[in-house]
N, C-alpha and C. Protein backbone atom coordinates (compact mmCIF):
# COMPACT_ATOMS: atom_id res chain seq x y z
N UNK A 1 129.70 133.55 126.64
CA UNK A 1 128.89 134.71 126.29
C UNK A 1 127.42 134.28 126.24
N UNK A 2 126.67 134.62 127.27
CA UNK A 2 125.32 134.09 127.37
C UNK A 2 124.25 135.18 127.47
N UNK A 3 124.64 136.42 127.18
CA UNK A 3 123.67 137.51 127.28
C UNK A 3 122.48 137.27 126.36
N UNK A 4 121.29 137.40 126.88
CA UNK A 4 120.08 137.28 126.07
C UNK A 4 119.27 138.56 126.28
N UNK A 5 118.91 139.19 125.21
CA UNK A 5 118.18 140.46 125.26
C UNK A 5 116.71 140.23 125.00
N UNK A 6 115.87 140.81 125.85
CA UNK A 6 114.44 140.79 125.60
C UNK A 6 114.13 141.93 124.63
N UNK A 7 114.22 141.64 123.34
CA UNK A 7 114.08 142.72 122.37
C UNK A 7 112.64 143.20 122.20
N UNK A 8 111.71 142.60 122.92
CA UNK A 8 110.34 143.08 122.85
C UNK A 8 110.19 144.44 123.53
N UNK A 9 111.20 144.84 124.29
CA UNK A 9 111.14 146.13 124.98
C UNK A 9 111.36 147.28 124.00
N UNK A 10 111.83 147.00 122.79
CA UNK A 10 112.12 148.04 121.83
C UNK A 10 111.02 148.15 120.78
N UNK A 11 110.81 149.38 120.35
CA UNK A 11 109.85 149.66 119.30
C UNK A 11 110.58 149.64 117.97
N UNK A 12 110.59 148.47 117.32
CA UNK A 12 111.30 148.35 116.06
C UNK A 12 110.45 148.98 114.95
N UNK A 13 110.92 150.11 114.47
CA UNK A 13 110.23 150.82 113.39
C UNK A 13 111.26 151.20 112.34
N UNK A 14 110.97 150.95 111.06
CA UNK A 14 111.95 151.21 110.00
C UNK A 14 112.19 152.69 109.73
N UNK A 15 112.94 153.29 110.63
CA UNK A 15 113.24 154.71 110.55
C UNK A 15 114.71 154.89 110.92
N UNK A 16 115.40 155.79 110.23
CA UNK A 16 116.84 155.96 110.47
C UNK A 16 117.13 156.34 111.91
N UNK A 17 116.41 157.32 112.43
CA UNK A 17 116.65 157.76 113.80
C UNK A 17 116.37 156.68 114.82
N UNK A 18 115.24 155.98 114.67
CA UNK A 18 114.91 154.90 115.60
C UNK A 18 115.91 153.75 115.51
N UNK A 19 116.39 153.48 114.29
CA UNK A 19 117.36 152.39 114.11
C UNK A 19 118.66 152.71 114.85
N UNK A 20 119.11 153.94 114.74
CA UNK A 20 120.33 154.33 115.46
C UNK A 20 120.10 154.37 116.97
N UNK A 21 118.91 154.82 117.37
CA UNK A 21 118.60 154.86 118.80
C UNK A 21 118.57 153.46 119.40
N UNK A 22 117.90 152.54 118.72
CA UNK A 22 117.83 151.16 119.21
C UNK A 22 119.18 150.48 119.11
N UNK A 23 119.89 150.73 118.01
CA UNK A 23 121.23 150.15 117.84
C UNK A 23 122.17 150.58 118.95
N UNK A 24 122.07 151.84 119.37
CA UNK A 24 122.92 152.35 120.44
C UNK A 24 122.67 151.58 121.75
N UNK A 25 121.40 151.31 122.05
CA UNK A 25 121.07 150.58 123.27
C UNK A 25 121.56 149.14 123.19
N UNK A 26 121.44 148.54 122.01
CA UNK A 26 121.81 147.13 121.85
C UNK A 26 123.31 146.91 122.01
N UNK A 27 124.13 147.84 121.49
CA UNK A 27 125.58 147.61 121.59
C UNK A 27 126.05 147.62 123.04
N UNK A 28 125.33 148.32 123.92
CA UNK A 28 125.76 148.33 125.32
C UNK A 28 125.28 147.08 126.06
N UNK A 29 124.21 146.48 125.58
CA UNK A 29 123.77 145.21 126.17
C UNK A 29 124.75 144.10 125.80
N UNK A 30 125.23 144.14 124.55
CA UNK A 30 126.13 143.11 124.02
C UNK A 30 127.55 143.65 123.84
N UNK A 31 127.93 144.62 124.65
CA UNK A 31 129.17 145.35 124.38
C UNK A 31 130.39 144.45 124.26
N UNK A 32 130.59 143.58 125.22
CA UNK A 32 131.80 142.73 125.22
C UNK A 32 131.80 141.83 123.99
N UNK A 33 130.68 141.18 123.73
CA UNK A 33 130.61 140.26 122.60
C UNK A 33 130.87 140.97 121.27
N UNK A 34 130.19 142.11 121.08
CA UNK A 34 130.32 142.82 119.81
C UNK A 34 131.69 143.46 119.66
N UNK A 35 132.28 143.88 120.77
CA UNK A 35 133.64 144.44 120.71
C UNK A 35 134.63 143.37 120.28
N UNK A 36 134.52 142.18 120.87
CA UNK A 36 135.42 141.09 120.51
C UNK A 36 135.23 140.72 119.04
N UNK A 37 133.99 140.63 118.60
CA UNK A 37 133.71 140.31 117.19
C UNK A 37 134.32 141.36 116.27
N UNK A 38 134.20 142.63 116.64
CA UNK A 38 134.74 143.71 115.83
C UNK A 38 136.27 143.66 115.77
N UNK A 39 136.89 143.35 116.89
CA UNK A 39 138.35 143.25 116.91
C UNK A 39 138.83 142.07 116.06
N UNK A 40 138.12 140.94 116.18
CA UNK A 40 138.46 139.77 115.38
C UNK A 40 138.35 140.09 113.89
N UNK A 41 137.28 140.78 113.52
CA UNK A 41 137.09 141.14 112.11
C UNK A 41 138.18 142.09 111.63
N UNK A 42 138.57 143.04 112.47
CA UNK A 42 139.65 143.96 112.10
C UNK A 42 140.94 143.21 111.85
N UNK A 43 141.24 142.25 112.71
CA UNK A 43 142.47 141.47 112.56
C UNK A 43 142.42 140.63 111.28
N UNK A 44 141.28 140.00 111.05
CA UNK A 44 141.15 139.14 109.87
C UNK A 44 141.11 139.94 108.57
N UNK A 45 140.75 141.22 108.65
CA UNK A 45 140.73 142.07 107.46
C UNK A 45 142.09 142.70 107.20
N UNK A 46 143.04 142.47 108.10
CA UNK A 46 144.37 143.07 107.99
C UNK A 46 145.06 142.85 106.66
N UNK A 47 145.10 141.62 106.14
CA UNK A 47 145.78 141.39 104.86
C UNK A 47 145.23 142.22 103.71
N UNK A 48 143.92 142.49 103.71
CA UNK A 48 143.33 143.31 102.65
C UNK A 48 143.83 144.74 102.75
N UNK A 49 143.90 145.27 103.97
CA UNK A 49 144.41 146.63 104.17
C UNK A 49 145.87 146.73 103.78
N UNK A 50 146.64 145.70 104.08
CA UNK A 50 148.06 145.69 103.73
C UNK A 50 148.24 145.74 102.22
N UNK A 51 147.45 144.98 101.51
CA UNK A 51 147.57 144.95 100.05
C UNK A 51 147.18 146.30 99.45
N UNK A 52 146.17 146.93 100.00
CA UNK A 52 145.78 148.26 99.51
C UNK A 52 146.91 149.25 99.70
N UNK A 53 147.65 149.11 100.79
CA UNK A 53 148.80 149.99 101.01
C UNK A 53 149.91 149.68 100.02
N UNK A 54 150.12 148.41 99.72
CA UNK A 54 151.16 148.03 98.78
C UNK A 54 150.84 148.52 97.36
N UNK A 55 149.54 148.55 97.02
CA UNK A 55 149.16 149.01 95.69
C UNK A 55 149.57 150.47 95.50
N UNK A 56 149.48 151.25 96.58
CA UNK A 56 149.85 152.65 96.50
C UNK A 56 151.34 152.84 96.23
N UNK A 57 152.15 151.84 96.62
CA UNK A 57 153.60 151.90 96.36
C UNK A 57 153.98 150.67 95.52
N UNK A 58 153.28 150.50 94.42
CA UNK A 58 153.36 149.26 93.65
C UNK A 58 154.71 149.07 92.95
N UNK A 59 155.21 147.87 93.01
CA UNK A 59 156.39 147.43 92.26
C UNK A 59 156.06 146.05 91.70
N UNK A 60 156.71 145.68 90.58
CA UNK A 60 156.35 144.44 89.89
C UNK A 60 156.48 143.21 90.77
N UNK A 61 157.46 143.22 91.68
CA UNK A 61 157.67 142.03 92.52
C UNK A 61 156.59 141.87 93.58
N UNK A 62 155.69 142.86 93.67
CA UNK A 62 154.60 142.77 94.65
C UNK A 62 153.36 142.10 94.08
N UNK A 63 153.42 141.72 92.79
CA UNK A 63 152.25 141.12 92.13
C UNK A 63 151.69 139.92 92.89
N UNK A 64 152.53 138.96 93.32
CA UNK A 64 151.98 137.81 94.07
C UNK A 64 151.26 138.24 95.34
N UNK A 65 151.81 139.24 96.03
CA UNK A 65 151.19 139.72 97.26
C UNK A 65 149.84 140.36 96.98
N UNK A 66 149.79 141.14 95.89
CA UNK A 66 148.54 141.79 95.51
C UNK A 66 147.49 140.74 95.13
N UNK A 67 147.91 139.73 94.38
CA UNK A 67 146.98 138.66 93.98
C UNK A 67 146.46 137.91 95.19
N UNK A 68 147.35 137.66 96.14
CA UNK A 68 146.92 137.00 97.38
C UNK A 68 145.90 137.85 98.11
N UNK A 69 146.16 139.15 98.18
CA UNK A 69 145.24 140.05 98.89
C UNK A 69 143.87 140.08 98.25
N UNK A 70 143.84 140.09 96.93
CA UNK A 70 142.56 140.09 96.22
C UNK A 70 141.80 138.80 96.51
N UNK A 71 142.51 137.66 96.40
CA UNK A 71 141.87 136.37 96.67
C UNK A 71 141.40 136.28 98.12
N UNK A 72 142.22 136.78 99.03
CA UNK A 72 141.86 136.75 100.45
C UNK A 72 140.61 137.60 100.69
N UNK A 73 140.56 138.77 100.07
CA UNK A 73 139.40 139.64 100.24
C UNK A 73 138.12 139.01 99.72
N UNK A 74 138.24 138.33 98.56
CA UNK A 74 137.06 137.74 97.93
C UNK A 74 136.58 136.49 98.67
N UNK A 75 137.51 135.61 99.02
CA UNK A 75 137.12 134.30 99.55
C UNK A 75 137.15 134.20 101.07
N UNK A 76 137.75 135.16 101.76
CA UNK A 76 137.83 135.08 103.22
C UNK A 76 137.23 136.32 103.88
N UNK A 77 137.83 137.49 103.66
CA UNK A 77 137.39 138.69 104.35
C UNK A 77 135.96 139.08 103.99
N UNK A 78 135.60 138.97 102.71
CA UNK A 78 134.25 139.32 102.29
C UNK A 78 133.19 138.48 102.97
N UNK A 79 133.29 137.15 102.89
CA UNK A 79 132.31 136.30 103.58
C UNK A 79 132.28 136.51 105.09
N UNK A 80 133.46 136.74 105.69
CA UNK A 80 133.48 136.98 107.13
C UNK A 80 132.73 138.27 107.45
N UNK A 81 132.84 139.27 106.56
CA UNK A 81 132.08 140.49 106.75
C UNK A 81 130.59 140.23 106.78
N UNK A 82 130.13 139.30 105.92
CA UNK A 82 128.73 138.89 105.95
C UNK A 82 128.40 138.21 107.28
N UNK A 83 129.33 137.41 107.77
CA UNK A 83 129.14 136.74 109.05
C UNK A 83 129.03 137.72 110.20
N UNK A 84 129.82 138.79 110.15
CA UNK A 84 129.76 139.82 111.18
C UNK A 84 128.40 140.51 111.17
N UNK A 85 127.87 140.79 109.98
CA UNK A 85 126.54 141.40 109.89
C UNK A 85 125.49 140.48 110.52
N UNK A 86 125.66 139.18 110.31
CA UNK A 86 124.72 138.21 110.90
C UNK A 86 124.81 138.23 112.42
N UNK A 87 126.02 138.39 112.96
CA UNK A 87 126.19 138.48 114.41
C UNK A 87 125.42 139.67 114.97
N UNK A 88 125.53 140.81 114.29
CA UNK A 88 124.80 141.99 114.76
C UNK A 88 123.29 141.79 114.65
N UNK A 89 122.86 141.09 113.62
CA UNK A 89 121.44 140.80 113.49
C UNK A 89 120.97 139.91 114.64
N UNK A 90 121.79 138.95 115.03
CA UNK A 90 121.44 138.09 116.17
C UNK A 90 121.32 138.91 117.45
N UNK A 91 122.20 139.88 117.60
CA UNK A 91 122.13 140.75 118.78
C UNK A 91 120.84 141.55 118.77
N UNK A 92 120.47 142.07 117.62
CA UNK A 92 119.24 142.85 117.50
C UNK A 92 118.02 141.99 117.86
N UNK A 93 118.06 140.71 117.50
CA UNK A 93 116.93 139.83 117.78
C UNK A 93 116.98 139.24 119.19
N UNK A 94 118.02 139.58 119.93
CA UNK A 94 118.10 139.11 121.30
C UNK A 94 118.57 137.69 121.44
N UNK A 95 119.34 137.21 120.48
CA UNK A 95 119.83 135.84 120.49
C UNK A 95 121.23 135.75 121.08
N UNK A 96 121.60 134.56 121.47
CA UNK A 96 122.93 134.34 122.02
C UNK A 96 123.98 134.51 120.93
N UNK A 97 125.10 135.13 121.29
CA UNK A 97 126.20 135.37 120.36
C UNK A 97 127.42 134.57 120.79
N UNK A 98 128.06 133.92 119.84
CA UNK A 98 129.33 133.25 120.08
C UNK A 98 130.34 133.71 119.03
N UNK A 99 131.59 133.71 119.38
CA UNK A 99 132.63 134.17 118.45
C UNK A 99 132.61 133.34 117.17
N UNK A 100 132.32 132.09 117.29
CA UNK A 100 132.31 131.23 116.10
C UNK A 100 131.23 131.63 115.10
N UNK A 101 130.25 132.44 115.55
CA UNK A 101 129.22 132.91 114.63
C UNK A 101 129.82 133.73 113.50
N UNK A 102 130.95 134.36 113.75
CA UNK A 102 131.63 135.16 112.71
C UNK A 102 131.97 134.27 111.52
N UNK A 103 132.29 133.02 111.81
CA UNK A 103 132.72 132.09 110.75
C UNK A 103 131.58 131.19 110.28
N UNK A 104 130.37 131.44 110.78
CA UNK A 104 129.24 130.58 110.42
C UNK A 104 128.96 130.60 108.93
N UNK A 105 129.32 131.69 108.27
CA UNK A 105 129.06 131.80 106.84
C UNK A 105 129.75 130.70 106.04
N UNK A 106 130.83 130.15 106.58
CA UNK A 106 131.54 129.08 105.88
C UNK A 106 130.74 127.78 105.88
N UNK A 107 129.75 127.68 106.77
CA UNK A 107 128.82 126.55 106.75
C UNK A 107 127.44 126.96 106.26
N UNK A 108 127.17 128.26 106.28
CA UNK A 108 125.85 128.77 105.91
C UNK A 108 125.96 129.55 104.59
N UNK A 109 125.79 128.86 103.49
CA UNK A 109 125.67 129.55 102.21
C UNK A 109 126.94 130.26 101.76
N UNK A 110 128.09 129.63 101.97
CA UNK A 110 129.38 130.28 101.71
C UNK A 110 129.51 130.82 100.30
N UNK A 111 129.27 129.98 99.29
CA UNK A 111 129.53 130.40 97.91
C UNK A 111 128.57 131.50 97.47
N UNK A 112 127.36 131.47 97.96
CA UNK A 112 126.45 132.57 97.64
C UNK A 112 126.90 133.86 98.31
N UNK A 113 127.50 133.76 99.48
CA UNK A 113 128.05 134.95 100.14
C UNK A 113 129.20 135.53 99.32
N UNK A 114 130.07 134.66 98.82
CA UNK A 114 131.20 135.11 98.00
C UNK A 114 130.69 135.81 96.75
N UNK A 115 129.79 135.16 96.04
CA UNK A 115 129.30 135.70 94.76
C UNK A 115 128.47 136.96 94.99
N UNK A 116 127.62 136.95 96.02
CA UNK A 116 126.79 138.12 96.30
C UNK A 116 127.64 139.34 96.61
N UNK A 117 128.70 139.15 97.37
CA UNK A 117 129.59 140.26 97.72
C UNK A 117 130.21 140.86 96.46
N UNK A 118 130.61 139.99 95.54
CA UNK A 118 131.20 140.47 94.28
C UNK A 118 130.15 141.18 93.44
N UNK A 119 128.99 140.55 93.29
CA UNK A 119 127.94 141.11 92.43
C UNK A 119 127.48 142.48 92.93
N UNK A 120 127.23 142.58 94.22
CA UNK A 120 126.79 143.87 94.78
C UNK A 120 127.87 144.93 94.58
N UNK A 121 129.13 144.53 94.80
CA UNK A 121 130.22 145.48 94.60
C UNK A 121 130.30 145.97 93.17
N UNK A 122 130.11 145.05 92.22
CA UNK A 122 130.16 145.43 90.80
C UNK A 122 128.98 146.33 90.45
N UNK A 123 127.78 145.98 90.91
CA UNK A 123 126.59 146.78 90.61
C UNK A 123 126.73 148.19 91.16
N UNK A 124 127.13 148.29 92.43
CA UNK A 124 127.28 149.61 93.05
C UNK A 124 128.41 150.39 92.37
N UNK A 125 129.51 149.69 92.06
CA UNK A 125 130.63 150.35 91.39
C UNK A 125 130.24 150.90 90.03
N UNK A 126 129.49 150.10 89.27
CA UNK A 126 129.02 150.57 87.96
C UNK A 126 128.09 151.76 88.13
N UNK A 127 127.27 151.72 89.18
CA UNK A 127 126.38 152.84 89.43
C UNK A 127 127.13 154.11 89.78
N UNK A 128 128.23 153.97 90.53
CA UNK A 128 129.04 155.13 90.88
C UNK A 128 129.63 155.74 89.62
N UNK A 129 130.09 154.89 88.71
CA UNK A 129 130.64 155.38 87.45
C UNK A 129 129.57 156.13 86.66
N UNK A 130 128.32 155.69 86.80
CA UNK A 130 127.20 156.32 86.09
C UNK A 130 126.71 157.55 86.86
N UNK A 131 127.60 158.51 87.03
CA UNK A 131 127.24 159.80 87.65
C UNK A 131 126.88 159.70 89.13
N UNK A 132 127.38 158.70 89.82
CA UNK A 132 127.31 158.57 91.29
C UNK A 132 125.91 158.21 91.81
N UNK A 133 124.90 158.97 91.45
CA UNK A 133 123.56 158.78 92.02
C UNK A 133 123.04 157.35 91.86
N UNK A 134 123.15 156.74 90.67
CA UNK A 134 122.69 155.34 90.56
C UNK A 134 123.41 154.41 91.52
N UNK A 135 124.69 154.66 91.75
CA UNK A 135 125.43 153.83 92.69
C UNK A 135 124.88 153.93 94.10
N UNK A 136 124.51 155.13 94.51
CA UNK A 136 123.93 155.34 95.83
C UNK A 136 122.59 154.62 95.93
N UNK A 137 121.79 154.72 94.86
CA UNK A 137 120.49 154.03 94.84
C UNK A 137 120.67 152.53 94.96
N UNK A 138 121.60 151.98 94.16
CA UNK A 138 121.84 150.53 94.21
C UNK A 138 122.32 150.11 95.60
N UNK A 139 123.22 150.90 96.20
CA UNK A 139 123.75 150.56 97.52
C UNK A 139 122.64 150.53 98.57
N UNK A 140 121.71 151.47 98.48
CA UNK A 140 120.60 151.52 99.43
C UNK A 140 119.63 150.36 99.23
N UNK A 141 119.30 150.08 97.97
CA UNK A 141 118.29 149.06 97.68
C UNK A 141 118.83 147.64 97.89
N UNK A 142 120.15 147.48 97.86
CA UNK A 142 120.75 146.14 98.04
C UNK A 142 121.38 145.98 99.42
N UNK A 143 121.05 146.89 100.32
CA UNK A 143 121.68 146.88 101.65
C UNK A 143 121.33 145.65 102.47
N UNK A 144 120.23 144.97 102.16
CA UNK A 144 119.79 143.82 102.96
C UNK A 144 120.33 142.49 102.43
N UNK A 145 121.05 142.52 101.33
CA UNK A 145 121.55 141.28 100.73
C UNK A 145 122.35 140.42 101.71
N UNK A 146 123.31 140.98 102.48
CA UNK A 146 124.08 140.12 103.39
C UNK A 146 123.22 139.36 104.39
N UNK A 147 122.21 140.02 104.94
CA UNK A 147 121.34 139.36 105.92
C UNK A 147 120.53 138.24 105.28
N UNK A 148 120.06 138.49 104.08
CA UNK A 148 119.25 137.49 103.38
C UNK A 148 120.09 136.28 102.97
N UNK A 149 121.33 136.52 102.57
CA UNK A 149 122.20 135.43 102.15
C UNK A 149 122.58 134.54 103.33
N UNK A 150 122.92 135.14 104.45
CA UNK A 150 123.39 134.35 105.59
C UNK A 150 122.23 133.86 106.46
N UNK A 151 121.34 134.77 106.82
CA UNK A 151 120.27 134.39 107.75
C UNK A 151 119.20 133.55 107.08
N UNK A 152 118.78 133.96 105.89
CA UNK A 152 117.74 133.23 105.17
C UNK A 152 118.32 132.20 104.21
N UNK A 153 119.63 132.20 104.05
CA UNK A 153 120.35 131.27 103.17
C UNK A 153 119.81 131.30 101.74
N UNK A 154 119.54 132.50 101.24
CA UNK A 154 119.07 132.66 99.87
C UNK A 154 120.24 132.60 98.89
N UNK A 155 119.93 132.25 97.64
CA UNK A 155 120.98 132.33 96.63
C UNK A 155 121.09 133.79 96.18
N UNK A 156 122.07 134.07 95.34
CA UNK A 156 122.40 135.44 95.00
C UNK A 156 121.24 136.19 94.36
N UNK A 157 120.65 135.62 93.31
CA UNK A 157 119.59 136.31 92.60
C UNK A 157 118.36 136.54 93.48
N UNK A 158 118.03 135.55 94.29
CA UNK A 158 116.88 135.72 95.19
C UNK A 158 117.15 136.83 96.20
N UNK A 159 118.36 136.87 96.75
CA UNK A 159 118.71 137.90 97.74
C UNK A 159 118.66 139.28 97.13
N UNK A 160 119.13 139.41 95.89
CA UNK A 160 119.08 140.70 95.20
C UNK A 160 117.63 141.15 95.00
N UNK A 161 116.78 140.24 94.52
CA UNK A 161 115.38 140.59 94.28
C UNK A 161 114.65 140.92 95.57
N UNK A 162 114.85 140.11 96.59
CA UNK A 162 114.14 140.32 97.85
C UNK A 162 114.61 141.60 98.54
N UNK A 163 115.91 141.87 98.52
CA UNK A 163 116.41 143.12 99.10
C UNK A 163 115.80 144.31 98.39
N UNK A 164 115.71 144.22 97.04
CA UNK A 164 115.13 145.31 96.27
C UNK A 164 113.67 145.53 96.65
N UNK A 165 112.95 144.43 96.87
CA UNK A 165 111.54 144.53 97.28
C UNK A 165 111.40 145.07 98.70
N UNK A 166 112.22 144.56 99.61
CA UNK A 166 112.11 144.95 101.01
C UNK A 166 112.44 146.42 101.24
N UNK A 167 113.38 146.95 100.46
CA UNK A 167 113.80 148.34 100.67
C UNK A 167 112.93 149.35 99.92
N UNK A 168 111.96 148.86 99.16
CA UNK A 168 111.07 149.78 98.45
C UNK A 168 110.32 150.64 99.47
N UNK A 169 110.44 151.94 99.33
CA UNK A 169 109.80 152.86 100.26
C UNK A 169 110.70 153.25 101.43
N UNK A 170 111.85 152.57 101.56
CA UNK A 170 112.77 152.87 102.67
C UNK A 170 114.13 153.36 102.18
N UNK A 171 114.24 153.59 100.88
CA UNK A 171 115.52 153.99 100.31
C UNK A 171 116.08 155.25 100.94
N UNK A 172 115.22 156.24 101.15
CA UNK A 172 115.69 157.49 101.74
C UNK A 172 116.12 157.30 103.19
N UNK A 173 115.45 156.44 103.92
CA UNK A 173 115.84 156.17 105.30
C UNK A 173 117.22 155.50 105.34
N UNK A 174 117.44 154.56 104.44
CA UNK A 174 118.73 153.87 104.39
C UNK A 174 119.82 154.84 103.95
N UNK A 175 119.49 155.70 102.98
CA UNK A 175 120.46 156.73 102.56
C UNK A 175 120.82 157.63 103.74
N UNK A 176 119.82 158.04 104.50
CA UNK A 176 120.06 158.90 105.66
C UNK A 176 120.95 158.19 106.68
N UNK A 177 120.74 156.88 106.84
CA UNK A 177 121.59 156.11 107.77
C UNK A 177 123.04 156.13 107.31
N UNK A 178 123.26 155.96 106.00
CA UNK A 178 124.61 156.03 105.48
C UNK A 178 125.22 157.41 105.64
N UNK A 179 124.40 158.44 105.44
CA UNK A 179 124.86 159.83 105.60
C UNK A 179 125.28 160.07 107.05
N UNK A 180 124.46 159.63 107.98
CA UNK A 180 124.78 159.81 109.40
C UNK A 180 126.00 158.99 109.80
N UNK A 181 126.17 157.84 109.15
CA UNK A 181 127.32 156.98 109.47
C UNK A 181 128.63 157.71 109.22
N UNK A 182 128.67 158.55 108.20
CA UNK A 182 129.89 159.32 107.89
C UNK A 182 130.31 160.16 109.09
N UNK A 183 129.36 160.85 109.70
CA UNK A 183 129.68 161.72 110.83
C UNK A 183 129.98 160.91 112.09
N UNK A 184 129.35 159.76 112.22
CA UNK A 184 129.63 158.88 113.37
C UNK A 184 131.06 158.36 113.28
N UNK A 185 131.48 158.00 112.08
CA UNK A 185 132.86 157.54 111.88
C UNK A 185 133.85 158.65 112.20
N UNK A 186 133.56 159.86 111.74
CA UNK A 186 134.44 161.00 112.02
C UNK A 186 134.56 161.22 113.52
N UNK A 187 133.43 161.15 114.22
CA UNK A 187 133.45 161.31 115.68
C UNK A 187 134.27 160.20 116.33
N UNK A 188 134.13 158.97 115.78
CA UNK A 188 134.91 157.86 116.31
C UNK A 188 136.40 158.05 116.11
N UNK A 189 136.78 158.58 114.96
CA UNK A 189 138.20 158.84 114.69
C UNK A 189 138.75 159.91 115.63
N UNK A 190 137.94 160.90 115.92
CA UNK A 190 138.37 161.95 116.86
C UNK A 190 138.62 161.36 118.24
N UNK A 191 137.79 160.38 118.59
CA UNK A 191 137.93 159.72 119.90
C UNK A 191 139.00 158.63 119.90
N UNK A 192 139.67 158.48 118.76
CA UNK A 192 140.78 157.54 118.60
C UNK A 192 140.32 156.08 118.72
N UNK A 193 141.17 155.20 119.30
CA UNK A 193 141.02 153.74 119.20
C UNK A 193 139.65 153.25 119.63
N UNK A 194 139.26 153.56 120.87
CA UNK A 194 138.00 153.05 121.39
C UNK A 194 136.82 153.60 120.59
N UNK A 195 136.91 154.87 120.23
CA UNK A 195 135.83 155.50 119.49
C UNK A 195 135.59 154.87 118.14
N UNK A 196 136.66 154.44 117.49
CA UNK A 196 136.52 153.80 116.18
C UNK A 196 135.70 152.53 116.28
N UNK A 197 135.98 151.72 117.28
CA UNK A 197 135.24 150.47 117.45
C UNK A 197 133.79 150.73 117.84
N UNK A 198 133.58 151.69 118.72
CA UNK A 198 132.21 151.98 119.15
C UNK A 198 131.38 152.51 117.98
N UNK A 199 131.97 153.38 117.16
CA UNK A 199 131.24 153.92 116.01
C UNK A 199 130.91 152.82 115.01
N UNK A 200 131.87 151.92 114.76
CA UNK A 200 131.64 150.81 113.82
C UNK A 200 130.55 149.87 114.35
N UNK A 201 130.57 149.59 115.65
CA UNK A 201 129.56 148.74 116.26
C UNK A 201 128.19 149.39 116.19
N UNK A 202 128.14 150.68 116.44
CA UNK A 202 126.86 151.40 116.43
C UNK A 202 126.24 151.37 115.04
N UNK A 203 127.05 151.64 114.03
CA UNK A 203 126.55 151.65 112.65
C UNK A 203 126.05 150.26 112.25
N UNK A 204 126.82 149.22 112.57
CA UNK A 204 126.43 147.86 112.23
C UNK A 204 125.13 147.46 112.92
N UNK A 205 125.00 147.83 114.20
CA UNK A 205 123.79 147.51 114.95
C UNK A 205 122.60 148.26 114.38
N UNK A 206 122.82 149.50 113.95
CA UNK A 206 121.72 150.30 113.39
C UNK A 206 121.21 149.71 112.09
N UNK A 207 122.11 149.30 111.21
CA UNK A 207 121.67 148.73 109.93
C UNK A 207 120.98 147.38 110.15
N UNK A 208 121.48 146.58 111.09
CA UNK A 208 120.82 145.31 111.40
C UNK A 208 119.43 145.58 111.98
N UNK A 209 119.32 146.64 112.77
CA UNK A 209 118.02 147.03 113.33
C UNK A 209 117.05 147.44 112.23
N UNK A 210 117.53 148.18 111.25
CA UNK A 210 116.67 148.59 110.13
C UNK A 210 116.15 147.37 109.38
N UNK A 211 117.04 146.43 109.09
CA UNK A 211 116.61 145.21 108.40
C UNK A 211 115.56 144.46 109.23
N UNK A 212 115.84 144.30 110.51
CA UNK A 212 114.93 143.58 111.39
C UNK A 212 113.58 144.29 111.48
N UNK A 213 113.61 145.62 111.53
CA UNK A 213 112.38 146.40 111.62
C UNK A 213 111.51 146.25 110.38
N UNK A 214 112.16 146.29 109.20
CA UNK A 214 111.41 146.11 107.95
C UNK A 214 110.84 144.70 107.88
N UNK A 215 111.64 143.71 108.28
CA UNK A 215 111.19 142.32 108.25
C UNK A 215 110.00 142.11 109.18
N UNK A 216 110.03 142.76 110.35
CA UNK A 216 108.91 142.63 111.29
C UNK A 216 107.65 143.31 110.76
N UNK A 217 107.83 144.47 110.15
CA UNK A 217 106.67 145.23 109.69
C UNK A 217 106.04 144.63 108.44
N UNK A 218 106.87 144.29 107.46
CA UNK A 218 106.36 143.86 106.16
C UNK A 218 106.59 142.38 105.85
N UNK A 219 107.38 141.72 106.67
CA UNK A 219 107.74 140.34 106.38
C UNK A 219 108.82 140.26 105.32
N UNK A 220 109.30 139.08 105.08
CA UNK A 220 110.29 138.85 104.03
C UNK A 220 109.57 138.26 102.83
N UNK A 221 109.60 138.96 101.70
CA UNK A 221 108.88 138.48 100.52
C UNK A 221 109.26 137.06 100.15
N UNK A 222 108.29 136.30 99.71
CA UNK A 222 108.57 134.93 99.27
C UNK A 222 109.35 134.95 97.97
N UNK A 223 110.22 133.99 97.83
CA UNK A 223 110.99 133.85 96.59
C UNK A 223 110.08 133.28 95.53
N UNK A 224 110.01 133.95 94.40
CA UNK A 224 109.11 133.54 93.32
C UNK A 224 109.92 132.83 92.24
N UNK A 225 109.32 131.81 91.68
CA UNK A 225 109.98 131.02 90.63
C UNK A 225 109.21 131.16 89.33
N UNK A 226 109.95 131.13 88.25
CA UNK A 226 109.33 131.10 86.93
C UNK A 226 108.49 132.32 86.63
N UNK A 227 108.86 133.46 87.29
CA UNK A 227 108.14 134.69 87.03
C UNK A 227 106.75 134.72 87.63
N UNK A 228 106.44 133.74 88.49
CA UNK A 228 105.09 133.68 89.11
C UNK A 228 104.99 134.69 90.25
């Protein structure tokens, strides 16, 4: 897989519509690579989906299976999900993609990826409990955490702070992207198997494009120590 994209041809601007427009073009340049990555991720996420199904028909003897699924989701599927986001970011930047990039997180900041995934999930979950709106705000403002953890190899607290800073002023654009993603997924489901993968690839490419656009426009804030 040696496709290299001259991403200078695109006008990277931190806007929901432009991010989806650019993301759509990028997935067709890297279609084979991103499709394979998406299929690999779906297969590797299988055990988590199985456990969720078992929980719906829970019996006491399924406890070991449920515990395995939780551990698998936390220590394997979650970090791989961060790795997949990094793959899409590489595509947006016009870099070479290899299947092994999906697993790069295991060499690039693995434990921070594990902890960050948990922390963001807890923060957003608590926000949802708090009348939903805070959860949506937290989800939008922390949307860049995966890219910062894997690409910039930041620790959890730094990634949370930097994502919060980077998304300031772009919260509504990120919210709009999530809103549009709902309808894209529905369209993908209507189109059945192939449509599901294309919709997932498009959404992932769009969010990676938004992160890249913000980073290009405003830079990535420096990590500050000691409150300086």
